[in-house]
Amino acid sequence: MITKSFLKSRPVCKTTFSVPTEAVNGKKVGLVGEFNNWNTDAPIAMTKKKTGVYSATVELPVGKNVEFRYVVDGKEWMNDEAADAYVANPYSCDNCVVNTEK
């Protein structure tokens, strides 16, 4: 699930990415994408919440399509079923897209 909150004070979309724990076959979930140069060595850590989801919040620029994916235990790639769109990548699968237009 993806939730978006647009800040009034600056052109930023506070975007929260959430993955249900039952959808994850591993112990650690990281968020990677254009916002961190797809750096799998330093993914954005997703915190396991009491509500049963892994979650992370990222500030993204308003008015962009931003590609991302989840990486589980540093090796297994996952997509978000709630992504705004999907685009093919050079690895014969799709990247998720979140749109930050108001």
PDB file of N, CA and C in Angstrom:
ATOM      1  N   MET A   1       0.841  -1.166   0.000  1.00  0.00           N
ATOM      2  CA  MET A   1       0.000   0.000   0.000  1.00  0.00           C
ATOM      3  C   MET A   1       0.892   1.237   0.000  1.00  0.00           C
ATOM      4  N   ILE A   2       0.428   2.257  -0.678  1.00  0.00           N
ATOM      5  CA  ILE A   2       1.153   3.512  -0.765  1.00  0.00           C
ATOM      6  C   ILE A   2       0.215   4.635  -0.352  1.00  0.00           C
ATOM      7  N   THR A   3       0.668   5.462   0.599  1.00  0.00           N
ATOM      8  CA  THR A   3      -0.112   6.640   0.971  1.00  0.00           C
ATOM      9  C   THR A   3       0.727   7.881   0.719  1.00  0.00           C
ATOM     10  N   LYS A   4       0.059   8.936   0.270  1.00  0.00           N
ATOM     11  CA  LYS A   4       0.753  10.173  -0.097  1.00  0.00           C
ATOM     12  C   LYS A   4       0.167  11.343   0.677  1.00  0.00           C
ATOM     13  N   SER A   5       1.057  12.235   1.109  1.00  0.00           N
ATOM     14  CA  SER A   5       0.651  13.441   1.793  1.00  0.00           C
ATOM     15  C   SER A   5       1.470  14.594   1.218  1.00  0.00           C
ATOM     16  N   PHE A   6       0.782  15.597   0.686  1.00  0.00           N
ATOM     17  CA  PHE A   6       1.466  16.729   0.070  1.00  0.00           C
ATOM     18  C   PHE A   6       1.650  17.840   1.095  1.00  0.00           C
ATOM     19  N   LEU A   7       2.897  18.276   1.250  1.00  0.00           N
ATOM     20  CA  LEU A   7       3.200  19.331   2.203  1.00  0.00           C
ATOM     21  C   LEU A   7       2.822  20.688   1.617  1.00  0.00           C
ATOM     22  N   LYS A   8       2.290  21.561   2.454  1.00  0.00           N
ATOM     23  CA  LYS A   8       1.927  22.908   2.009  1.00  0.00           C
ATOM     24  C   LYS A   8       3.128  23.837   2.019  1.00  0.00           C
ATOM     25  N   SER A   9       4.111  23.544   2.863  1.00  0.00           N
ATOM     26  CA  SER A   9       5.246  24.436   3.054  1.00  0.00           C
ATOM     27  C   SER A   9       6.326  24.315   1.982  1.00  0.00           C
ATOM     28  N   ARG A  10       6.348  23.188   1.251  1.00  0.00           N
ATOM     29  CA  ARG A  10       7.345  22.999   0.192  1.00  0.00           C
ATOM     30  C   ARG A  10       6.846  21.941  -0.786  1.00  0.00           C
ATOM     31  N   PRO A  11       7.429  21.914  -1.999  1.00  0.00           N
ATOM     32  CA  PRO A  11       6.935  20.993  -3.033  1.00  0.00           C
ATOM     33  C   PRO A  11       7.415  19.551  -2.822  1.00  0.00           C
ATOM     34  N   VAL A  12       6.866  18.920  -1.801  1.00  0.00           N
ATOM     35  CA  VAL A  12       7.278  17.566  -1.430  1.00  0.00           C
ATOM     36  C   VAL A  12       6.034  16.713  -1.211  1.00  0.00           C
ATOM     37  N   CYS A  13       6.138  15.469  -1.655  1.00  0.00           N
ATOM     38  CA  CYS A  13       5.091  14.488  -1.401  1.00  0.00           C
ATOM     39  C   CYS A  13       5.667  13.463  -0.419  1.00  0.00           C
ATOM     40  N   LYS A  14       5.156  13.491   0.805  1.00  0.00           N
ATOM     41  CA  LYS A  14       5.581  12.534   1.817  1.00  0.00           C
ATOM     42  C   LYS A  14       4.885  11.214   1.490  1.00  0.00           C
ATOM     43  N   THR A  15       5.665  10.226   1.077  1.00  0.00           N
ATOM     44  CA  THR A  15       5.112   8.972   0.569  1.00  0.00           C
ATOM     45  C   THR A  15       5.477   7.835   1.508  1.00  0.00           C
ATOM     46  N   THR A  16       4.456   7.129   1.983  1.00  0.00           N
ATOM     47  CA  THR A  16       4.676   5.994   2.868  1.00  0.00           C
ATOM     48  C   THR A  16       4.406   4.708   2.101  1.00  0.00           C
ATOM     49  N   PHE A  17       5.412   3.850   2.086  1.00  0.00           N
ATOM     50  CA  PHE A  17       5.350   2.555   1.422  1.00  0.00           C
ATOM     51  C   PHE A  17       5.139   1.499   2.501  1.00  0.00           C
ATOM     52  N   SER A  18       4.160   0.605   2.293  1.00  0.00           N
ATOM     53  CA  SER A  18       3.857  -0.427   3.279  1.00  0.00           C
ATOM     54  C   SER A  18       3.691  -1.780   2.597  1.00  0.00           C
ATOM     55  N   VAL A  19       4.222  -2.814   3.234  1.00  0.00           N
ATOM     56  CA  VAL A  19       4.107  -4.181   2.735  1.00  0.00           C
ATOM     57  C   VAL A  19       3.630  -5.059   3.885  1.00  0.00           C
ATOM     58  N   PRO A  20       2.555  -5.837   3.692  1.00  0.00           N
ATOM     59  CA  PRO A  20       2.103  -6.733   4.755  1.00  0.00           C
ATOM     60  C   PRO A  20       3.161  -7.790   5.068  1.00  0.00           C
ATOM     61  N   THR A  21       3.336  -8.084   6.336  1.00  0.00           N
ATOM     62  CA  THR A  21       4.368  -9.060   6.730  1.00  0.00           C
ATOM     63  C   THR A  21       4.115 -10.427   6.107  1.00  0.00           C
ATOM     64  N   GLU A  22       2.852 -10.805   5.906  1.00  0.00           N
ATOM     65  CA  GLU A  22       2.579 -12.120   5.332  1.00  0.00           C
ATOM     66  C   GLU A  22       2.975 -12.207   3.858  1.00  0.00           C
ATOM     67  N   ALA A  23       3.189 -11.070   3.207  1.00  0.00           N
ATOM     68  CA  ALA A  23       3.633 -11.066   1.813  1.00  0.00           C
ATOM     69  C   ALA A  23       5.147 -11.207   1.688  1.00  0.00           C
ATOM     70  N   VAL A  24       5.842 -11.159   2.820  1.00  0.00           N
ATOM     71  CA  VAL A  24       7.303 -11.170   2.818  1.00  0.00           C
ATOM     72  C   VAL A  24       7.811 -12.537   3.258  1.00  0.00           C
ATOM     73  N   ASN A  25       8.698 -13.098   2.448  1.00  0.00           N
ATOM     74  CA  ASN A  25       9.325 -14.373   2.782  1.00  0.00           C
ATOM     75  C   ASN A  25      10.776 -14.090   3.179  1.00  0.00           C
ATOM     76  N   GLY A  26      10.951 -13.441   4.323  1.00  0.00           N
ATOM     77  CA  GLY A  26      12.277 -13.062   4.787  1.00  0.00           C
ATOM     78  C   GLY A  26      12.189 -12.270   6.074  1.00  0.00           C
ATOM     79  N   LYS A  27      13.335 -11.714   6.473  1.00  0.00           N
ATOM     80  CA  LYS A  27      13.400 -10.997   7.751  1.00  0.00           C
ATOM     81  C   LYS A  27      13.567  -9.493   7.614  1.00  0.00           C
ATOM     82  N   LYS A  28      14.204  -9.045   6.526  1.00  0.00           N
ATOM     83  CA  LYS A  28      14.459  -7.619   6.347  1.00  0.00           C
ATOM     84  C   LYS A  28      13.911  -7.171   5.005  1.00  0.00           C
ATOM     85  N   VAL A  29      13.223  -6.035   5.020  1.00  0.00           N
ATOM     86  CA  VAL A  29      12.693  -5.466   3.782  1.00  0.00           C
ATOM     87  C   VAL A  29      13.299  -4.085   3.607  1.00  0.00           C
ATOM     88  N   GLY A  30      13.807  -3.839   2.409  1.00  0.00           N
ATOM     89  CA  GLY A  30      14.371  -2.536   2.077  1.00  0.00           C
ATOM     90  C   GLY A  30      13.646  -1.939   0.890  1.00  0.00           C
ATOM     91  N   LEU A  31      13.657  -0.632   0.812  1.00  0.00           N
ATOM     92  CA  LEU A  31      13.038   0.109  -0.276  1.00  0.00           C
ATOM     93  C   LEU A  31      14.155   0.712  -1.119  1.00  0.00           C
ATOM     94  N   VAL A  32      14.132   0.444  -2.412  1.00  0.00           N
ATOM     95  CA  VAL A  32      15.135   1.010  -3.315  1.00  0.00           C
ATOM     96  C   VAL A  32      14.432   1.593  -4.533  1.00  0.00           C
ATOM     97  N   GLY A  33      15.095   2.548  -5.151  1.00  0.00           N
ATOM     98  CA  GLY A  33      14.513   3.155  -6.335  1.00  0.00           C
ATOM     99  C   GLY A  33      15.340   4.325  -6.814  1.00  0.00           C
ATOM    100  N   GLU A  34      14.722   5.116  -7.646  1.00  0.00           N
ATOM    101  CA  GLU A  34      15.420   6.274  -8.207  1.00  0.00           C
ATOM    102  C   GLU A  34      15.870   7.237  -7.119  1.00  0.00           C
ATOM    103  N   PHE A  35      15.137   7.300  -6.018  1.00  0.00           N
ATOM    104  CA  PHE A  35      15.455   8.225  -4.937  1.00  0.00           C
ATOM    105  C   PHE A  35      16.722   7.852  -4.179  1.00  0.00           C
ATOM    106  N   ASN A  36      17.231   6.621  -4.313  1.00  0.00           N
ATOM    107  CA  ASN A  36      18.508   6.257  -3.688  1.00  0.00           C
ATOM    108  C   ASN A  36      19.457   5.626  -4.703  1.00  0.00           C
ATOM    109  N   ASN A  37      19.242   5.959  -5.977  1.00  0.00           N
ATOM    110  CA  ASN A  37      20.079   5.458  -7.078  1.00  0.00           C
ATOM    111  C   ASN A  37      20.118   3.935  -7.138  1.00  0.00           C
ATOM    112  N   TRP A  38      19.013   3.286  -6.737  1.00  0.00           N
ATOM    113  CA  TRP A  38      18.900   1.821  -6.772  1.00  0.00           C
ATOM    114  C   TRP A  38      20.007   1.137  -5.988  1.00  0.00           C
ATOM    115  N   ASN A  39      20.451   1.767  -4.925  1.00  0.00           N
ATOM    116  CA  ASN A  39      21.564   1.249  -4.128  1.00  0.00           C
ATOM    117  C   ASN A  39      21.074   0.132  -3.199  1.00  0.00           C
ATOM    118  N   THR A  40      21.304  -1.113  -3.601  1.00  0.00           N
ATOM    119  CA  THR A  40      20.889  -2.253  -2.779  1.00  0.00           C
ATOM    120  C   THR A  40      21.812  -2.464  -1.587  1.00  0.00           C
ATOM    121  N   ASP A  41      22.982  -1.840  -1.605  1.00  0.00           N
ATOM    122  CA  ASP A  41      23.887  -1.922  -0.448  1.00  0.00           C
ATOM    123  C   ASP A  41      23.423  -1.017   0.687  1.00  0.00           C
ATOM    124  N   ALA A  42      22.611  -0.016   0.351  1.00  0.00           N
ATOM    125  CA  ALA A  42      22.086   0.904   1.364  1.00  0.00           C
ATOM    126  C   ALA A  42      20.614   1.194   1.083  1.00  0.00           C
ATOM    127  N   PRO A  43      19.759   0.158   1.142  1.00  0.00           N
ATOM    128  CA  PRO A  43      18.333   0.402   0.918  1.00  0.00           C
ATOM    129  C   PRO A  43      17.744   1.187   2.083  1.00  0.00           C
ATOM    130  N   ILE A  44      16.616   1.810   1.838  1.00  0.00           N
ATOM    131  CA  ILE A  44      15.894   2.472   2.919  1.00  0.00           C
ATOM    132  C   ILE A  44      15.226   1.371   3.730  1.00  0.00           C
ATOM    133  N   ALA A  45      15.599   1.270   4.994  1.00  0.00           N
ATOM    134  CA  ALA A  45      15.084   0.197   5.852  1.00  0.00           C
ATOM    135  C   ALA A  45      13.601   0.397   6.107  1.00  0.00           C
ATOM    136  N   MET A  46      12.860  -0.682   6.000  1.00  0.00           N
ATOM    137  CA  MET A  46      11.441  -0.658   6.310  1.00  0.00           C
ATOM    138  C   MET A  46      11.257  -1.274   7.690  1.00  0.00           C
ATOM    139  N   THR A  47      10.556  -0.556   8.553  1.00  0.00           N
ATOM    140  CA  THR A  47      10.363  -0.964   9.941  1.00  0.00           C
ATOM    141  C   THR A  47       9.144  -1.864  10.061  1.00  0.00           C
ATOM    142  N   LYS A  48       9.299  -2.945  10.800  1.00  0.00           N
ATOM    143  CA  LYS A  48       8.172  -3.846  11.042  1.00  0.00           C
ATOM    144  C   LYS A  48       7.310  -3.245  12.150  1.00  0.00           C
ATOM    145  N   LYS A  49       6.049  -2.954  11.824  1.00  0.00           N
ATOM    146  CA  LYS A  49       5.121  -2.316  12.755  1.00  0.00           C
ATOM    147  C   LYS A  49       4.253  -3.357  13.456  1.00  0.00           C
ATOM    148  N   LYS A  50       3.670  -2.953  14.586  1.00  0.00           N
ATOM    149  CA  LYS A  50       2.754  -3.832  15.320  1.00  0.00           C
ATOM    150  C   LYS A  50       1.495  -4.134  14.515  1.00  0.00           C
ATOM    151  N   THR A  51       1.193  -3.286  13.543  1.00  0.00           N
ATOM    152  CA  THR A  51      -0.005  -3.456  12.716  1.00  0.00           C
ATOM    153  C   THR A  51       0.138  -4.575  11.689  1.00  0.00           C
ATOM    154  N   GLY A  52       1.324  -5.167  11.594  1.00  0.00           N
ATOM    155  CA  GLY A  52       1.534  -6.268  10.663  1.00  0.00           C
ATOM    156  C   GLY A  52       2.029  -5.856   9.294  1.00  0.00           C
ATOM    157  N   VAL A  53       2.689  -4.707   9.224  1.00  0.00           N
ATOM    158  CA  VAL A  53       3.260  -4.262   7.952  1.00  0.00           C
ATOM    159  C   VAL A  53       4.698  -3.788   8.160  1.00  0.00           C
ATOM    160  N   TYR A  54       5.482  -3.882   7.091  1.00  0.00           N
ATOM    161  CA  TYR A  54       6.771  -3.207   7.026  1.00  0.00           C
ATOM    162  C   TYR A  54       6.482  -1.848   6.403  1.00  0.00           C
ATOM    163  N   SER A  55       7.100  -0.786   6.920  1.00  0.00           N
ATOM    164  CA  SER A  55       6.763   0.547   6.456  1.00  0.00           C
ATOM    165  C   SER A  55       7.983   1.459   6.418  1.00  0.00           C
ATOM    166  N   ALA A  56       7.998   2.358   5.436  1.00  0.00           N
ATOM    167  CA  ALA A  56       9.036   3.394   5.332  1.00  0.00           C
ATOM    168  C   ALA A  56       8.413   4.615   4.661  1.00  0.00           C
ATOM    169  N   THR A  57       8.840   5.799   5.077  1.00  0.00           N
ATOM    170  CA  THR A  57       8.346   7.045   4.491  1.00  0.00           C
ATOM    171  C   THR A  57       9.509   7.795   3.845  1.00  0.00           C
ATOM    172  N   VAL A  58       9.246   8.273   2.631  1.00  0.00           N
ATOM    173  CA  VAL A  58      10.265   8.985   1.849  1.00  0.00           C
ATOM    174  C   VAL A  58       9.644  10.277   1.342  1.00  0.00           C
ATOM    175  N   GLU A  59      10.420  11.347   1.343  1.00  0.00           N
ATOM    176  CA  GLU A  59       9.962  12.606   0.757  1.00  0.00           C
ATOM    177  C   GLU A  59      10.390  12.623  -0.709  1.00  0.00           C
ATOM    178  N   LEU A  60       9.393  12.719  -1.602  1.00  0.00           N
ATOM    179  CA  LEU A  60       9.638  12.715  -3.041  1.00  0.00           C
ATOM    180  C   LEU A  60       9.217  14.051  -3.634  1.00  0.00           C
ATOM    181  N   PRO A  61       9.850  14.465  -4.735  1.00  0.00           N
ATOM    182  CA  PRO A  61       9.461  15.721  -5.368  1.00  0.00           C
ATOM    183  C   PRO A  61       8.053  15.616  -5.971  1.00  0.00           C
ATOM    184  N   VAL A  62       7.303  16.701  -5.900  1.00  0.00           N
ATOM    185  CA  VAL A  62       5.954  16.741  -6.448  1.00  0.00           C
ATOM    186  C   VAL A  62       6.024  16.772  -7.974  1.00  0.00           C
ATOM    187  N   GLY A  63       5.068  16.107  -8.612  1.00  0.00           N
ATOM    188  CA  GLY A  63       4.945  16.162 -10.064  1.00  0.00           C
ATOM    189  C   GLY A  63       5.830  15.198 -10.816  1.00  0.00           C
ATOM    190  N   LYS A  64       6.226  14.111 -10.193  1.00  0.00           N
ATOM    191  CA  LYS A  64       7.136  13.151 -10.835  1.00  0.00           C
ATOM    192  C   LYS A  64       6.536  11.752 -10.829  1.00  0.00           C
ATOM    193  N   ASN A  65       6.997  10.922 -11.748  1.00  0.00           N
ATOM    194  CA  ASN A  65       6.800   9.477 -11.697  1.00  0.00           C
ATOM    195  C   ASN A  65       8.112   8.904 -11.199  1.00  0.00           C
ATOM    196  N   VAL A  66       8.075   8.213 -10.078  1.00  0.00           N
ATOM    197  CA  VAL A  66       9.293   7.709  -9.444  1.00  0.00           C
ATOM    198  C   VAL A  66       9.234   6.182  -9.403  1.00  0.00           C
ATOM    199  N   GLU A  67      10.273   5.539  -9.939  1.00  0.00           N
ATOM    200  CA  GLU A  67      10.335   4.080  -9.964  1.00  0.00           C
ATOM    201  C   GLU A  67      10.951   3.548  -8.676  1.00  0.00           C
ATOM    202  N   PHE A  68      10.436   2.378  -8.240  1.00  0.00           N
ATOM    203  CA  PHE A  68      10.936   1.769  -7.005  1.00  0.00           C
ATOM    204  C   PHE A  68      10.628   0.278  -7.009  1.00  0.00           C
ATOM    205  N   ARG A  69      11.251  -0.434  -6.080  1.00  0.00           N
ATOM    206  CA  ARG A  69      10.947  -1.835  -5.782  1.00  0.00           C
ATOM    207  C   ARG A  69      11.362  -2.111  -4.353  1.00  0.00           C
ATOM    208  N   TYR A  70      10.898  -3.236  -3.821  1.00  0.00           N
ATOM    209  CA  TYR A  70      11.316  -3.692  -2.505  1.00  0.00           C
ATOM    210  C   TYR A  70      12.341  -4.797  -2.687  1.00  0.00           C
ATOM    211  N   VAL A  71      13.286  -4.875  -1.745  1.00  0.00           N
ATOM    212  CA  VAL A  71      14.255  -5.966  -1.761  1.00  0.00           C
ATOM    213  C   VAL A  71      14.216  -6.633  -0.382  1.00  0.00           C
ATOM    214  N   VAL A  72      14.043  -7.955  -0.404  1.00  0.00           N
ATOM    215  CA  VAL A  72      13.908  -8.735   0.827  1.00  0.00           C
ATOM    216  C   VAL A  72      15.217  -9.462   1.097  1.00  0.00           C
ATOM    217  N   ASP A  73      15.731  -9.285   2.309  1.00  0.00           N
ATOM    218  CA  ASP A  73      16.992  -9.907   2.733  1.00  0.00           C
ATOM    219  C   ASP A  73      18.137  -9.640   1.755  1.00  0.00           C
ATOM    220  N   GLY A  74      18.078  -8.497   1.073  1.00  0.00           N
ATOM    221  CA  GLY A  74      19.159  -8.077   0.191  1.00  0.00           C
ATOM    222  C   GLY A  74      19.265  -8.828  -1.116  1.00  0.00           C
ATOM    223  N   LYS A  75      18.294  -9.719  -1.422  1.00  0.00           N
ATOM    224  CA  LYS A  75      18.445 -10.499  -2.652  1.00  0.00           C
ATOM    225  C   LYS A  75      17.163 -10.760  -3.434  1.00  0.00           C
ATOM    226  N   GLU A  76      16.025 -10.819  -2.776  1.00  0.00           N
ATOM    227  CA  GLU A  76      14.768 -11.128  -3.476  1.00  0.00           C
ATOM    228  C   GLU A  76      14.001  -9.839  -3.756  1.00  0.00           C
ATOM    229  N   TRP A  77      13.649  -9.617  -5.011  1.00  0.00           N
ATOM    230  CA  TRP A  77      12.938  -8.411  -5.416  1.00  0.00           C
ATOM    231  C   TRP A  77      11.440  -8.628  -5.341  1.00  0.00           C
ATOM    232  N   MET A  78      10.730  -7.589  -4.916  1.00  0.00           N
ATOM    233  CA  MET A  78       9.263  -7.615  -4.803  1.00  0.00           C
ATOM    234  C   MET A  78       8.678  -6.345  -5.386  1.00  0.00           C
ATOM    235  N   ASN A  79       7.509  -6.473  -5.981  1.00  0.00           N
ATOM    236  CA  ASN A  79       6.768  -5.305  -6.441  1.00  0.00           C
ATOM    237  C   ASN A  79       5.631  -5.001  -5.480  1.00  0.00           C
ATOM    238  N   ASP A  80       5.088  -3.815  -5.595  1.00  0.00           N
ATOM    239  CA  ASP A  80       3.958  -3.381  -4.782  1.00  0.00           C
ATOM    240  C   ASP A  80       2.697  -3.486  -5.622  1.00  0.00           C
ATOM    241  N   GLU A  81       1.736  -4.256  -5.157  1.00  0.00           N
ATOM    242  CA  GLU A  81       0.482  -4.423  -5.890  1.00  0.00           C
ATOM    243  C   GLU A  81      -0.322  -3.131  -5.968  1.00  0.00           C
ATOM    244  N   ALA A  82      -0.011  -2.171  -5.109  1.00  0.00           N
ATOM    245  CA  ALA A  82      -0.742  -0.904  -5.086  1.00  0.00           C
ATOM    246  C   ALA A  82      -0.016   0.216  -5.829  1.00  0.00           C
ATOM    247  N   ALA A  83       0.989  -0.128  -6.630  1.00  0.00           N
ATOM    248  CA  ALA A  83       1.726   0.902  -7.371  1.00  0.00           C
ATOM    249  C   ALA A  83       0.787   1.611  -8.352  1.00  0.00           C
ATOM    250  N   ASP A  84       1.114   2.858  -8.661  1.00  0.00           N
ATOM    251  CA  ASP A  84       0.307   3.631  -9.602  1.00  0.00           C
ATOM    252  C   ASP A  84       0.462   3.115 -11.032  1.00  0.00           C
ATOM    253  N   ALA A  85       1.613   2.524 -11.333  1.00  0.00           N
ATOM    254  CA  ALA A  85       1.881   1.983 -12.664  1.00  0.00           C
ATOM    255  C   ALA A  85       3.091   1.056 -12.564  1.00  0.00           C
ATOM    256  N   TYR A  86       3.401   0.414 -13.677  1.00  0.00           N
ATOM    257  CA  TYR A  86       4.573  -0.461 -13.765  1.00  0.00           C
ATOM    258  C   TYR A  86       5.262  -0.182 -15.096  1.00  0.00           C
ATOM    259  N   VAL A  87       6.586  -0.232 -15.091  1.00  0.00           N
ATOM    260  CA  VAL A  87       7.351  -0.066 -16.328  1.00  0.00           C
ATOM    261  C   VAL A  87       8.386  -1.180 -16.409  1.00  0.00           C
ATOM    262  N   ALA A  88       8.630  -1.636 -17.620  1.00  0.00           N
ATOM    263  CA  ALA A  88       9.616  -2.701 -17.827  1.00  0.00           C
ATOM    264  C   ALA A  88      11.009  -2.184 -17.500  1.00  0.00           C
ATOM    265  N   ASN A  89      11.821  -3.057 -16.928  1.00  0.00           N
ATOM    266  CA  ASN A  89      13.218  -2.716 -16.671  1.00  0.00           C
ATOM    267  C   ASN A  89      14.103  -3.643 -17.507  1.00  0.00           C
ATOM    268  N   PRO A  90      15.411  -3.410 -17.562  1.00  0.00           N
ATOM    269  CA  PRO A  90      16.283  -4.226 -18.411  1.00  0.00           C
ATOM    270  C   PRO A  90      16.508  -5.658 -17.903  1.00  0.00           C
ATOM    271  N   TYR A  91      15.904  -6.014 -16.769  1.00  0.00           N
ATOM    272  CA  TYR A  91      16.124  -7.331 -16.173  1.00  0.00           C
ATOM    273  C   TYR A  91      14.930  -8.266 -16.392  1.00  0.00           C
ATOM    274  N   SER A  92      14.129  -7.991 -17.409  1.00  0.00           N
ATOM    275  CA  SER A  92      12.979  -8.815 -17.795  1.00  0.00           C
ATOM    276  C   SER A  92      11.884  -8.879 -16.731  1.00  0.00           C
ATOM    277  N   CYS A  93      11.725  -7.809 -15.986  1.00  0.00           N
ATOM    278  CA  CYS A  93      10.617  -7.697 -15.044  1.00  0.00           C
ATOM    279  C   CYS A  93      10.211  -6.231 -14.985  1.00  0.00           C
ATOM    280  N   ASP A  94       9.293  -5.910 -14.117  1.00  0.00           N
ATOM    281  CA  ASP A  94       8.778  -4.539 -14.035  1.00  0.00           C
ATOM    282  C   ASP A  94       9.239  -3.838 -12.773  1.00  0.00           C
ATOM    283  N   ASN A  95       9.401  -2.520 -12.896  1.00  0.00           N
ATOM    284  CA  ASN A  95       9.577  -1.656 -11.733  1.00  0.00           C
ATOM    285  C   ASN A  95       8.225  -1.055 -11.400  1.00  0.00           C
ATOM    286  N   CYS A  96       8.006  -0.787 -10.142  1.00  0.00           N
ATOM    287  CA  CYS A  96       6.802  -0.082  -9.702  1.00  0.00           C
ATOM    288  C   CYS A  96       6.998   1.408  -9.930  1.00  0.00           C
ATOM    289  N   VAL A  97       5.887   2.109 -10.103  1.00  0.00           N
ATOM    290  CA  VAL A  97       5.932   3.557 -10.264  1.00  0.00           C
ATOM    291  C   VAL A  97       4.949   4.184  -9.273  1.00  0.00           C
ATOM    292  N   VAL A  98       5.410   5.225  -8.581  1.00  0.00           N
ATOM    293  CA  VAL A  98       4.525   6.044  -7.765  1.00  0.00           C
ATOM    294  C   VAL A  98       4.490   7.425  -8.411  1.00  0.00           C
ATOM    295  N   ASN A  99       3.276   7.953  -8.593  1.00  0.00           N
ATOM    296  CA  ASN A  99       3.094   9.253  -9.216  1.00  0.00           C
ATOM    297  C   ASN A  99       2.836  10.274  -8.119  1.00  0.00           C
ATOM    298  N   THR A 100       3.605  11.360  -8.134  1.00  0.00           N
ATOM    299  CA  THR A 100       3.477  12.368  -7.074  1.00  0.00           C
ATOM    300  C   THR A 100       2.811  13.652  -7.567  1.00  0.00           C
ATOM    301  N   GLU A 101       1.949  13.539  -8.565  1.00  0.00           N
ATOM    302  CA  GLU A 101       1.174  14.705  -9.021  1.00  0.00           C
ATOM    303  C   GLU A 101       0.049  14.959  -8.046  1.00  0.00           C
ATOM    304  N   LYS A 102      -0.246  16.214  -7.806  1.00  0.00           N
ATOM    305  CA  LYS A 102      -1.362  16.565  -6.904  1.00  0.00           C
ATOM    306  C   LYS A 102      -2.676  16.301  -7.587  1.00  0.00           C
TER     307      LYS A 102
END
